[in-house]
C-alpha cells in the first residue's frame, strides 16, 4: 500500500461540466474521483508518450525510405550502364568475328541484367515518385 509521502495534496479548480463528467465516470467505474483523475492523467501521459514514439518512428521510416530511393536509383542507373556496355561489347564482338558462344554469352548477360531491371521497376515506380 502506498504511503502518504508518495502523494502530493493539491487543490484543483475544475469547470462544472468536467467535474460532473469525472464524477459520473468515477461512479460507473466504482472508484473515487481522485482515482478517476489519476487514471485519466496517467492515460493522457501514456498517450503523449505513444504520440512521441509514433512521430519518431515516422521520421525514421521516412529517412529509411529516402535511403532506399537513393540506393534504388543508383542500382537502376548501374544496371542501365551495364546493359549499354554489354550492347557495345556485343557489337564489338560481332565486328571482330568473335566466336558465336562469346556473343551468346554477352547476350545472355544483357538478358540477365534486363530481367533485374524489370523486377526493380515496380519498386522504382513506388519509391522514385
Protein backbone atom coordinates (compact mmCIF):
# COMPACT_ATOMS: atom_id res chain seq x y z
CA UNK A 1 0.00 0.00 0.00
CA UNK A 2 1.25 3.49 -0.85
CA UNK A 3 2.22 5.83 1.95
CA UNK A 4 1.15 9.46 2.29
CA UNK A 5 4.73 10.53 1.48
CA UNK A 6 4.29 9.23 -2.07
CA UNK A 7 1.50 11.71 -2.79
CA UNK A 8 1.23 15.47 -3.03
CA UNK A 9 -2.00 17.09 -1.96
CA UNK A 10 -3.25 19.81 -4.28
CA UNK A 11 -6.36 21.91 -4.74
CA UNK A 12 -7.91 21.84 -8.18
CA UNK A 13 -10.46 24.12 -9.81
CA UNK A 14 -12.48 22.30 -12.45
CA UNK A 15 -15.19 23.54 -14.79
CA UNK A 16 -18.57 22.26 -13.62
CA UNK A 17 -19.16 20.10 -16.70
CA UNK A 18 -15.75 18.41 -16.32
CA UNK A 19 -16.36 17.83 -12.59
CA UNK A 20 -19.72 16.23 -13.42
CA UNK A 21 -18.14 14.07 -16.14
CA UNK A 22 -15.39 12.85 -13.80
CA UNK A 23 -17.89 12.22 -11.03
CA UNK A 24 -20.12 10.09 -13.29
CA UNK A 25 -17.13 8.18 -14.72
CA UNK A 26 -15.75 7.53 -11.24
CA UNK A 27 -19.09 6.26 -10.01
CA UNK A 28 -19.52 4.00 -13.06
CA UNK A 29 -16.00 2.61 -12.58
CA UNK A 30 -16.54 2.12 -8.84
CA UNK A 31 -13.72 4.38 -7.74
CA UNK A 32 -13.22 7.76 -6.12
CA UNK A 33 -12.99 11.00 -8.09
CA UNK A 34 -9.34 11.21 -7.06
CA UNK A 35 -8.67 7.74 -8.51
CA UNK A 36 -10.56 8.69 -11.69
CA UNK A 37 -8.49 11.86 -12.13
CA UNK A 38 -5.25 9.92 -11.56
CA UNK A 39 -6.37 7.28 -14.10
CA UNK A 40 -7.18 9.92 -16.71
CA UNK A 41 -3.90 11.77 -16.17
CA UNK A 42 -1.96 8.51 -16.44
CA UNK A 43 -3.69 7.59 -19.69
CA UNK A 44 -3.11 11.08 -21.04
CA UNK A 45 0.59 10.81 -20.21
CA UNK A 46 0.76 7.36 -21.82
CA UNK A 47 -0.91 8.69 -24.96
CA UNK A 48 1.51 11.61 -25.17
CA UNK A 49 4.39 9.16 -24.93
CA UNK A 50 2.85 6.99 -27.64
CA UNK A 51 2.40 10.01 -29.90
CA UNK A 52 6.08 10.92 -29.45
CA UNK A 53 7.17 7.34 -30.22
CA UNK A 54 4.94 7.22 -33.31
CA UNK A 55 6.36 10.55 -34.52
CA UNK A 56 9.93 9.30 -34.05
CA UNK A 57 9.15 6.06 -35.90
CA UNK A 58 7.51 8.01 -38.71
CA UNK A 59 10.61 10.19 -39.09
CA UNK A 60 12.89 7.13 -39.02
CA UNK A 61 10.81 5.39 -41.66
CA UNK A 62 10.85 8.49 -43.87
CA UNK A 63 14.64 8.67 -43.62
CA UNK A 64 14.96 4.96 -44.42
CA UNK A 65 12.62 5.36 -47.37
CA UNK A 66 14.77 8.21 -48.69
CA UNK A 67 17.85 6.00 -48.33
CA UNK A 68 16.10 3.25 -50.28
CA UNK A 69 15.19 5.74 -53.00
CA UNK A 70 18.82 6.70 -53.39
CA UNK A 71 20.04 3.10 -53.40
CA UNK A 72 17.40 2.01 -55.90
CA UNK A 73 18.18 4.95 -58.16
CA UNK A 74 21.87 4.06 -58.14
CA UNK A 75 21.16 0.37 -58.77
CA UNK A 76 18.93 1.14 -61.76
CA UNK A 77 21.49 3.55 -63.18
CA UNK A 78 24.28 0.97 -62.82
CA UNK A 79 22.22 -1.75 -64.48
CA UNK A 80 21.33 0.57 -67.37
CA UNK A 81 25.02 1.45 -67.81
CA UNK A 82 25.90 -2.25 -67.69
CA UNK A 83 23.32 -3.04 -70.37
CA UNK A 84 24.69 -0.26 -72.61
CA UNK A 85 28.26 -1.52 -72.10
CA UNK A 86 27.21 -5.08 -72.89
CA UNK A 87 25.39 -3.90 -76.04
CA UNK A 88 28.62 -2.23 -77.16
CA UNK A 89 30.57 -5.39 -76.30
CA UNK A 90 28.22 -7.45 -78.49
CA UNK A 91 28.73 -5.04 -81.41
CA UNK A 92 32.50 -5.15 -80.99
CA UNK A 93 32.45 -8.94 -80.70
CA UNK A 94 30.43 -9.20 -83.91
CA UNK A 95 32.72 -6.73 -85.71
CA UNK A 96 35.78 -8.69 -84.59
CA UNK A 97 34.26 -12.04 -85.61
CA UNK A 98 34.22 -13.35 -82.04
CA UNK A 99 33.11 -16.94 -81.56
CA UNK A 100 29.30 -17.32 -81.53
CA UNK A 101 29.36 -18.71 -77.97
CA UNK A 102 31.05 -15.48 -76.77
CA UNK A 103 28.37 -13.37 -78.44
CA UNK A 104 25.63 -15.59 -76.94
CA UNK A 105 27.26 -15.26 -73.51
CA UNK A 106 27.22 -11.45 -73.78
CA UNK A 107 23.61 -11.50 -74.98
CA UNK A 108 22.74 -13.74 -72.03
CA UNK A 109 24.32 -11.20 -69.69
CA UNK A 110 22.21 -8.48 -71.29
CA UNK A 111 19.02 -10.53 -70.80
CA UNK A 112 20.02 -11.23 -67.21
CA UNK A 113 20.55 -7.52 -66.47
CA UNK A 114 17.28 -6.61 -68.21
CA UNK A 115 15.41 -9.10 -66.01
CA UNK A 116 16.84 -7.43 -62.89
CA UNK A 117 15.75 -4.03 -64.17
CA UNK A 118 12.23 -5.35 -64.85
CA UNK A 119 11.98 -6.78 -61.33
CA UNK A 120 13.15 -3.47 -59.86
CA UNK A 121 10.82 -1.28 -61.93
CA UNK A 122 7.69 -1.75 -59.74
CA UNK A 123 9.66 -0.73 -56.66
CA UNK A 124 11.22 2.13 -58.59
CA UNK A 125 7.78 3.35 -59.62
CA UNK A 126 6.71 3.39 -55.96
CA UNK A 127 9.88 4.80 -54.41
CA UNK A 128 11.17 7.20 -57.04
CA UNK A 129 7.97 9.20 -57.44
